[in-house]
PDB file of N, CA and C in Angstrom:
ATOM      1  N   MET A   1     116.162 104.799 109.009  1.00  0.00           N
ATOM      2  CA  MET A   1     115.245 103.694 108.798  1.00  0.00           C
ATOM      3  C   MET A   1     116.010 102.505 108.223  1.00  0.00           C
ATOM      4  N   SER A   2     115.584 101.353 108.634  1.00  0.00           N
ATOM      5  CA  SER A   2     116.173 100.117 108.129  1.00  0.00           C
ATOM      6  C   SER A   2     115.474  99.747 106.818  1.00  0.00           C
ATOM      7  N   LEU A   3     116.250  99.587 105.794  1.00  0.00           N
ATOM      8  CA  LEU A   3     115.685  99.170 104.513  1.00  0.00           C
ATOM      9  C   LEU A   3     116.041  97.716 104.249  1.00  0.00           C
ATOM     10  N   VAL A   4     115.081  96.976 103.733  1.00  0.00           N
ATOM     11  CA  VAL A   4     115.302  95.583 103.377  1.00  0.00           C
ATOM     12  C   VAL A   4     115.089  95.478 101.871  1.00  0.00           C
ATOM     13  N   HIS A   5     116.097  94.975 101.191  1.00  0.00           N
ATOM     14  CA  HIS A   5     115.969  94.807  99.741  1.00  0.00           C
ATOM     15  C   HIS A   5     115.639  93.359  99.449  1.00  0.00           C
ATOM     16  N   VAL A   6     114.562  93.154  98.738  1.00  0.00           N
ATOM     17  CA  VAL A   6     114.172  91.829  98.306  1.00  0.00           C
ATOM     18  C   VAL A   6     114.669  91.687  96.868  1.00  0.00           C
ATOM     19  N   PRO A   7     115.568  90.742  96.620  1.00  0.00           N
ATOM     20  CA  PRO A   7     116.073  90.591  95.253  1.00  0.00           C
ATOM     21  C   PRO A   7     114.927  90.463  94.247  1.00  0.00           C
ATOM     22  N   GLY A   8     114.973  91.310  93.238  1.00  0.00           N
ATOM     23  CA  GLY A   8     113.930  91.307  92.220  1.00  0.00           C
ATOM     24  C   GLY A   8     112.642  91.952  92.680  1.00  0.00           C
ATOM     25  N   GLY A   9     112.651  92.542  93.885  1.00  0.00           N
ATOM     26  CA  GLY A   9     111.434  93.140  94.424  1.00  0.00           C
ATOM     27  C   GLY A   9     111.690  94.541  94.927  1.00  0.00           C
ATOM     28  N   PRO A  10     110.717  95.086  95.605  1.00  0.00           N
ATOM     29  CA  PRO A  10     110.838  96.464  96.104  1.00  0.00           C
ATOM     30  C   PRO A  10     111.656  96.534  97.391  1.00  0.00           C
ATOM     31  N   LEU A  11     112.008  97.748  97.774  1.00  0.00           N
ATOM     32  CA  LEU A  11     112.601  97.980  99.084  1.00  0.00           C
ATOM     33  C   LEU A  11     111.479  97.920 100.113  1.00  0.00           C
ATOM     34  N   LEU A  12     111.761  97.329 101.246  1.00  0.00           N
ATOM     35  CA  LEU A  12     110.761  97.211 102.302  1.00  0.00           C
ATOM     36  C   LEU A  12     111.225  97.985 103.534  1.00  0.00           C
ATOM     37  N   LEU A  13     110.271  98.515 104.271  1.00  0.00           N
ATOM     38  CA  LEU A  13     110.540  99.237 105.515  1.00  0.00           C
ATOM     39  C   LEU A  13     109.832  98.516 106.648  1.00  0.00           C
ATOM     40  N   PRO A  14     110.466  98.381 107.804  1.00  0.00           N
ATOM     41  CA  PRO A  14     109.771  97.784 108.946  1.00  0.00           C
ATOM     42  C   PRO A  14     108.570  98.647 109.353  1.00  0.00           C
ATOM     43  N   ALA A  15     107.440  98.010 109.543  1.00  0.00           N
ATOM     44  CA  ALA A  15     106.201  98.736 109.852  1.00  0.00           C
ATOM     45  C   ALA A  15     106.315  99.563 111.117  1.00  0.00           C
ATOM     46  N   ASP A  16     107.001  99.046 112.133  1.00  0.00           N
ATOM     47  CA  ASP A  16     107.094  99.804 113.377  1.00  0.00           C
ATOM     48  C   ASP A  16     107.884 101.096 113.187  1.00  0.00           C
ATOM     49  N   GLU A  17     108.865 101.088 112.289  1.00  0.00           N
ATOM     50  CA  GLU A  17     109.614 102.307 112.009  1.00  0.00           C
ATOM     51  C   GLU A  17     108.768 103.312 111.234  1.00  0.00           C
ATOM     52  N   VAL A  18     107.925 102.813 110.343  1.00  0.00           N
ATOM     53  CA  VAL A  18     107.043 103.690 109.571  1.00  0.00           C
ATOM     54  C   VAL A  18     106.018 104.342 110.493  1.00  0.00           C
ATOM     55  N   THR A  19     105.394 103.551 111.370  1.00  0.00           N
ATOM     56  CA  THR A  19     104.382 104.125 112.260  1.00  0.00           C
ATOM     57  C   THR A  19     105.012 105.087 113.256  1.00  0.00           C
ATOM     58  N   HIS A  20     106.220 104.781 113.720  1.00  0.00           N
ATOM     59  CA  HIS A  20     106.924 105.692 114.622  1.00  0.00           C
ATOM     60  C   HIS A  20     107.199 107.025 113.911  1.00  0.00           C
ATOM     61  N   LEU A  21     107.639 106.957 112.676  1.00  0.00           N
ATOM     62  CA  LEU A  21     107.899 108.170 111.895  1.00  0.00           C
ATOM     63  C   LEU A  21     106.622 108.990 111.703  1.00  0.00           C
ATOM     64  N   LEU A  22     105.523 108.337 111.374  1.00  0.00           N
ATOM     65  CA  LEU A  22     104.251 109.046 111.181  1.00  0.00           C
ATOM     66  C   LEU A  22     103.805 109.745 112.464  1.00  0.00           C
ATOM     67  N   ARG A  23     103.941 109.057 113.585  1.00  0.00           N
ATOM     68  CA  ARG A  23     103.531 109.655 114.864  1.00  0.00           C
ATOM     69  C   ARG A  23     104.458 110.807 115.278  1.00  0.00           C
ATOM     70  N   ARG A  24     105.745 110.679 115.032  1.00  0.00           N
ATOM     71  CA  ARG A  24     106.676 111.767 115.351  1.00  0.00           C
ATOM     72  C   ARG A  24     106.404 112.989 114.476  1.00  0.00           C
ATOM     73  N   LEU A  25     106.107 112.753 113.205  1.00  0.00           N
ATOM     74  CA  LEU A  25     105.777 113.851 112.302  1.00  0.00           C
ATOM     75  C   LEU A  25     104.516 114.563 112.778  1.00  0.00           C
ATOM     76  N   ALA A  26     103.508 113.803 113.160  1.00  0.00           N
ATOM     77  CA  ALA A  26     102.262 114.383 113.661  1.00  0.00           C
ATOM     78  C   ALA A  26     102.520 115.233 114.900  1.00  0.00           C
ATOM     79  N   THR A  27     103.334 114.715 115.817  1.00  0.00           N
ATOM     80  CA  THR A  27     103.659 115.462 117.037  1.00  0.00           C
ATOM     81  C   THR A  27     104.398 116.748 116.702  1.00  0.00           C
ATOM     82  N   ARG A  28     105.332 116.671 115.785  1.00  0.00           N
ATOM     83  CA  ARG A  28     106.103 117.864 115.398  1.00  0.00           C
ATOM     84  C   ARG A  28     105.195 118.919 114.777  1.00  0.00           C
ATOM     85  N   TRP A  29     104.240 118.491 113.959  1.00  0.00           N
ATOM     86  CA  TRP A  29     103.300 119.450 113.360  1.00  0.00           C
ATOM     87  C   TRP A  29     102.499 120.150 114.446  1.00  0.00           C
ATOM     88  N   LEU A  30     102.005 119.388 115.422  1.00  0.00           N
ATOM     89  CA  LEU A  30     101.242 119.998 116.516  1.00  0.00           C
ATOM     90  C   LEU A  30     102.099 120.978 117.297  1.00  0.00           C
ATOM     91  N   ASP A  31     103.327 120.584 117.584  1.00  0.00           N
ATOM     92  CA  ASP A  31     104.239 121.471 118.311  1.00  0.00           C
ATOM     93  C   ASP A  31     104.482 122.758 117.532  1.00  0.00           C
ATOM     94  N   SER A  32     104.694 122.633 116.230  1.00  0.00           N
ATOM     95  CA  SER A  32     104.955 123.815 115.400  1.00  0.00           C
ATOM     96  C   SER A  32     103.753 124.744 115.365  1.00  0.00           C
ATOM     97  N   ALA A  33     102.584 124.170 115.263  1.00  0.00           N
ATOM     98  CA  ALA A  33     101.371 124.988 115.216  1.00  0.00           C
ATOM     99  C   ALA A  33     101.122 125.685 116.546  1.00  0.00           C
ATOM    100  N   SER A  34     101.518 125.054 117.654  1.00  0.00           N
ATOM    101  CA  SER A  34     101.280 125.615 118.978  1.00  0.00           C
ATOM    102  C   SER A  34     102.325 126.653 119.370  1.00  0.00           C
ATOM    103  N   GLU A  35     103.580 126.393 119.022  1.00  0.00           N
ATOM    104  CA  GLU A  35     104.684 127.224 119.480  1.00  0.00           C
ATOM    105  C   GLU A  35     104.897 128.483 118.657  1.00  0.00           C
ATOM    106  N   GLU A  36     104.636 128.412 117.402  1.00  0.00           N
ATOM    107  CA  GLU A  36     104.986 129.516 116.521  1.00  0.00           C
ATOM    108  C   GLU A  36     103.731 130.239 116.026  1.00  0.00           C
ATOM    109  N   GLU A  37     103.463 131.365 116.626  1.00  0.00           N
ATOM    110  CA  GLU A  37     102.286 132.146 116.244  1.00  0.00           C
ATOM    111  C   GLU A  37     102.345 132.552 114.770  1.00  0.00           C
ATOM    112  N   GLU A  38     103.540 132.823 114.293  1.00  0.00           N
ATOM    113  CA  GLU A  38     103.696 133.295 112.922  1.00  0.00           C
ATOM    114  C   GLU A  38     104.064 132.170 111.956  1.00  0.00           C
ATOM    115  N   SER A  39     103.758 130.945 112.319  1.00  0.00           N
ATOM    116  CA  SER A  39     104.123 129.813 111.468  1.00  0.00           C
ATOM    117  C   SER A  39     103.280 129.761 110.200  1.00  0.00           C
ATOM    118  N   GLY A  40     102.123 130.410 110.235  1.00  0.00           N
ATOM    119  CA  GLY A  40     101.233 130.355 109.090  1.00  0.00           C
ATOM    120  C   GLY A  40     100.392 129.085 109.063  1.00  0.00           C
ATOM    121  N   LEU A  41     100.531 128.270 110.092  1.00  0.00           N
ATOM    122  CA  LEU A  41      99.779 127.019 110.166  1.00  0.00           C
ATOM    123  C   LEU A  41      98.462 127.249 110.896  1.00  0.00           C
ATOM    124  N   GLU A  42      97.378 126.820 110.290  1.00  0.00           N
ATOM    125  CA  GLU A  42      96.071 126.924 110.930  1.00  0.00           C
ATOM    126  C   GLU A  42      95.882 125.709 111.825  1.00  0.00           C
ATOM    127  N   ARG A  43      95.582 125.941 113.065  1.00  0.00           N
ATOM    128  CA  ARG A  43      95.483 124.877 114.070  1.00  0.00           C
ATOM    129  C   ARG A  43      94.507 123.774 113.643  1.00  0.00           C
ATOM    130  N   LYS A  44      93.341 124.150 113.124  1.00  0.00           N
ATOM    131  CA  LYS A  44      92.346 123.140 112.722  1.00  0.00           C
ATOM    132  C   LYS A  44      92.841 122.289 111.564  1.00  0.00           C
ATOM    133  N   THR A  45      93.558 122.899 110.638  1.00  0.00           N
ATOM    134  CA  THR A  45      94.108 122.164 109.500  1.00  0.00           C
ATOM    135  C   THR A  45      95.181 121.187 109.986  1.00  0.00           C
ATOM    136  N   VAL A  46      96.046 121.671 110.863  1.00  0.00           N
ATOM    137  CA  VAL A  46      97.099 120.810 111.412  1.00  0.00           C
ATOM    138  C   VAL A  46      96.479 119.652 112.179  1.00  0.00           C
ATOM    139  N   GLU A  47      95.462 119.915 112.967  1.00  0.00           N
ATOM    140  CA  GLU A  47      94.804 118.850 113.723  1.00  0.00           C
ATOM    141  C   GLU A  47      94.186 117.807 112.796  1.00  0.00           C
ATOM    142  N   ALA A  48      93.603 118.243 111.690  1.00  0.00           N
ATOM    143  CA  ALA A  48      93.026 117.305 110.718  1.00  0.00           C
ATOM    144  C   ALA A  48      94.114 116.444 110.084  1.00  0.00           C
ATOM    145  N   LEU A  49      95.248 117.056 109.757  1.00  0.00           N
ATOM    146  CA  LEU A  49      96.365 116.306 109.185  1.00  0.00           C
ATOM    147  C   LEU A  49      96.942 115.324 110.205  1.00  0.00           C
ATOM    148  N   VAL A  50      97.058 115.768 111.445  1.00  0.00           N
ATOM    149  CA  VAL A  50      97.561 114.898 112.514  1.00  0.00           C
ATOM    150  C   VAL A  50      96.629 113.707 112.704  1.00  0.00           C
ATOM    151  N   ASP A  51      95.329 113.955 112.705  1.00  0.00           N
ATOM    152  CA  ASP A  51      94.361 112.870 112.836  1.00  0.00           C
ATOM    153  C   ASP A  51      94.512 111.862 111.701  1.00  0.00           C
ATOM    154  N   SER A  52      94.733 112.364 110.485  1.00  0.00           N
ATOM    155  CA  SER A  52      94.899 111.478 109.328  1.00  0.00           C
ATOM    156  C   SER A  52      96.164 110.635 109.449  1.00  0.00           C
ATOM    157  N   LEU A  53      97.273 111.263 109.841  1.00  0.00           N
ATOM    158  CA  LEU A  53      98.525 110.520 110.008  1.00  0.00           C
ATOM    159  C   LEU A  53      98.402 109.466 111.100  1.00  0.00           C
ATOM    160  N   THR A  54      97.770 109.840 112.196  1.00  0.00           N
ATOM    161  CA  THR A  54      97.593 108.904 113.306  1.00  0.00           C
ATOM    162  C   THR A  54      96.707 107.742 112.894  1.00  0.00           C
ATOM    163  N   GLU A  55      95.676 108.021 112.123  1.00  0.00           N
ATOM    164  CA  GLU A  55      94.781 106.968 111.645  1.00  0.00           C
ATOM    165  C   GLU A  55      95.530 105.986 110.747  1.00  0.00           C
ATOM    166  N   VAL A  56      96.380 106.488 109.870  1.00  0.00           N
ATOM    167  CA  VAL A  56      97.174 105.613 109.000  1.00  0.00           C
ATOM    168  C   VAL A  56      98.107 104.753 109.848  1.00  0.00           C
ATOM    169  N   ALA A  57      98.784 105.362 110.822  1.00  0.00           N
ATOM    170  CA  ALA A  57      99.689 104.610 111.699  1.00  0.00           C
ATOM    171  C   ALA A  57      98.923 103.536 112.476  1.00  0.00           C
ATOM    172  N   ASP A  58      97.751 103.878 112.975  1.00  0.00           N
ATOM    173  CA  ASP A  58      96.932 102.909 113.716  1.00  0.00           C
ATOM    174  C   ASP A  58      96.502 101.749 112.820  1.00  0.00           C
ATOM    175  N   ARG A  59      96.121 102.049 111.578  1.00  0.00           N
ATOM    176  CA  ARG A  59      95.718 101.000 110.644  1.00  0.00           C
ATOM    177  C   ARG A  59      96.876 100.056 110.330  1.00  0.00           C
ATOM    178  N   ILE A  60      98.065 100.629 110.128  1.00  0.00           N
ATOM    179  CA  ILE A  60      99.248  99.797 109.866  1.00  0.00           C
ATOM    180  C   ILE A  60      99.509  98.890 111.063  1.00  0.00           C
ATOM    181  N   ASP A  61      99.469  99.459 112.277  1.00  0.00           N
ATOM    182  CA  ASP A  61      99.677  98.650 113.483  1.00  0.00           C
ATOM    183  C   ASP A  61      98.650  97.531 113.587  1.00  0.00           C
ATOM    184  N   ALA A  62      97.386  97.857 113.372  1.00  0.00           N
ATOM    185  CA  ALA A  62      96.314  96.857 113.491  1.00  0.00           C
ATOM    186  C   ALA A  62      96.479  95.746 112.456  1.00  0.00           C
ATOM    187  N   GLU A  63      96.828  96.105 111.239  1.00  0.00           N
ATOM    188  CA  GLU A  63      97.004  95.090 110.199  1.00  0.00           C
ATOM    189  C   GLU A  63      98.198  94.194 110.500  1.00  0.00           C
ATOM    190  N   CYS A  64      99.262  94.766 111.055  1.00  0.00           N
ATOM    191  CA  CYS A  64     100.427  93.955 111.428  1.00  0.00           C
ATOM    192  C   CYS A  64     100.092  93.021 112.574  1.00  0.00           C
ATOM    193  N   ILE A  65      99.353  93.511 113.557  1.00  0.00           N
ATOM    194  CA  ILE A  65      98.948  92.666 114.684  1.00  0.00           C
ATOM    195  C   ILE A  65      98.087  91.514 114.188  1.00  0.00           C
ATOM    196  N   ALA A  66      97.210  91.794 113.232  1.00  0.00           N
ATOM    197  CA  ALA A  66      96.335  90.751 112.689  1.00  0.00           C
ATOM    198  C   ALA A  66      97.120  89.670 111.950  1.00  0.00           C
ATOM    199  N   LEU A  67      98.314  89.980 111.485  1.00  0.00           N
ATOM    200  CA  LEU A  67      99.131  89.002 110.758  1.00  0.00           C
ATOM    201  C   LEU A  67      99.909  88.067 111.676  1.00  0.00           C
ATOM    202  N   VAL A  68     100.040  88.431 112.953  1.00  0.00           N
ATOM    203  CA  VAL A  68     100.805  87.606 113.889  1.00  0.00           C
ATOM    204  C   VAL A  68     100.030  86.328 114.162  1.00  0.00           C
ATOM    205  N   PRO A  69     100.642  85.172 113.878  1.00  0.00           N
ATOM    206  CA  PRO A  69      99.934  83.909 114.125  1.00  0.00           C
ATOM    207  C   PRO A  69      99.842  83.608 115.622  1.00  0.00           C
ATOM    208  N   PHE A  70      98.664  83.202 116.064  1.00  0.00           N
ATOM    209  CA  PHE A  70      98.432  82.846 117.463  1.00  0.00           C
ATOM    210  C   PHE A  70      97.974  81.394 117.525  1.00  0.00           C
ATOM    211  N   HIS A  71      98.188  80.764 118.667  1.00  0.00           N
ATOM    212  CA  HIS A  71      97.756  79.380 118.847  1.00  0.00           C
ATOM    213  C   HIS A  71      97.267  79.162 120.267  1.00  0.00           C
ATOM    214  N   GLY A  72      96.554  78.049 120.460  1.00  0.00           N
ATOM    215  CA  GLY A  72      96.082  77.668 121.796  1.00  0.00           C
ATOM    216  C   GLY A  72      94.905  78.487 122.251  1.00  0.00           C
ATOM    217  N   GLY A  73      94.471  78.239 123.477  1.00  0.00           N
ATOM    218  CA  GLY A  73      93.357  78.985 124.051  1.00  0.00           C
ATOM    219  C   GLY A  73      92.050  78.694 123.353  1.00  0.00           C
ATOM    220  N   GLU A  74      91.022  79.396 123.776  1.00  0.00           N
ATOM    221  CA  GLU A  74      89.705  79.239 123.190  1.00  0.00           C
ATOM    222  C   GLU A  74      89.691  79.715 121.755  1.00  0.00           C
ATOM    223  N   GLY A  75      89.155  78.938 120.876  1.00  0.00           N
ATOM    224  CA  GLY A  75      89.042  79.340 119.484  1.00  0.00           C
ATOM    225  C   GLY A  75      90.389  79.415 118.762  1.00  0.00           C
ATOM    226  N   GLY A  76      91.442  78.853 119.380  1.00  0.00           N
ATOM    227  CA  GLY A  76      92.735  78.827 118.715  1.00  0.00           C
ATOM    228  C   GLY A  76      93.552  80.090 118.868  1.00  0.00           C
ATOM    229  N   ARG A  77      93.072  81.060 119.644  1.00  0.00           N
ATOM    230  CA  ARG A  77      93.809  82.320 119.813  1.00  0.00           C
ATOM    231  C   ARG A  77      93.989  82.583 121.300  1.00  0.00           C
ATOM    232  N   SER A  78      95.201  82.364 121.786  1.00  0.00           N
ATOM    233  CA  SER A  78      95.458  82.545 123.212  1.00  0.00           C
ATOM    234  C   SER A  78      96.037  83.900 123.551  1.00  0.00           C
ATOM    235  N   GLY A  79      96.430  84.643 122.553  1.00  0.00           N
ATOM    236  CA  GLY A  79      97.101  85.905 122.812  1.00  0.00           C
ATOM    237  C   GLY A  79      98.603  85.742 122.956  1.00  0.00           C
ATOM    238  N   VAL A  80      99.076  84.513 122.745  1.00  0.00           N
ATOM    239  CA  VAL A  80     100.509  84.247 122.817  1.00  0.00           C
ATOM    240  C   VAL A  80     101.000  83.939 121.412  1.00  0.00           C
ATOM    241  N   PRO A  81     101.956  84.727 120.880  1.00  0.00           N
ATOM    242  CA  PRO A  81     102.462  84.440 119.543  1.00  0.00           C
ATOM    243  C   PRO A  81     103.094  83.062 119.476  1.00  0.00           C
ATOM    244  N   GLU A  82     102.988  82.425 118.313  1.00  0.00           N
ATOM    245  CA  GLU A  82     103.598  81.130 118.108  1.00  0.00           C
ATOM    246  C   GLU A  82     105.089  81.206 118.376  1.00  0.00           C
ATOM    247  N   GLY A  83     105.656  80.117 118.888  1.00  0.00           N
ATOM    248  CA  GLY A  83     107.084  80.069 119.127  1.00  0.00           C
ATOM    249  C   GLY A  83     107.501  80.668 120.452  1.00  0.00           C
ATOM    250  N   ARG A  84     106.541  81.062 121.273  1.00  0.00           N
ATOM    251  CA  ARG A  84     106.867  81.641 122.597  1.00  0.00           C
ATOM    252  C   ARG A  84     106.295  80.801 123.679  1.00  0.00           C
TER     253      ARG A  84
END
């Protein structure tokens, strides 16, 4: 993961890397629950955890998309990011 240090502030992580990590973790959990009968993982519990991780990743993506400034078009939002 790429870390960004803000002088006098916290370490920052790129949102796309965080959401990618969350989705990969969710996929790995599902794979483990499906492939290994003796894993001790309950399928319903794993599915609930996967749903939670995916929901967090989706929320992060949606909030980041909402921060992208748009211009032009009807109502000032053309779907084209500024500077393009």
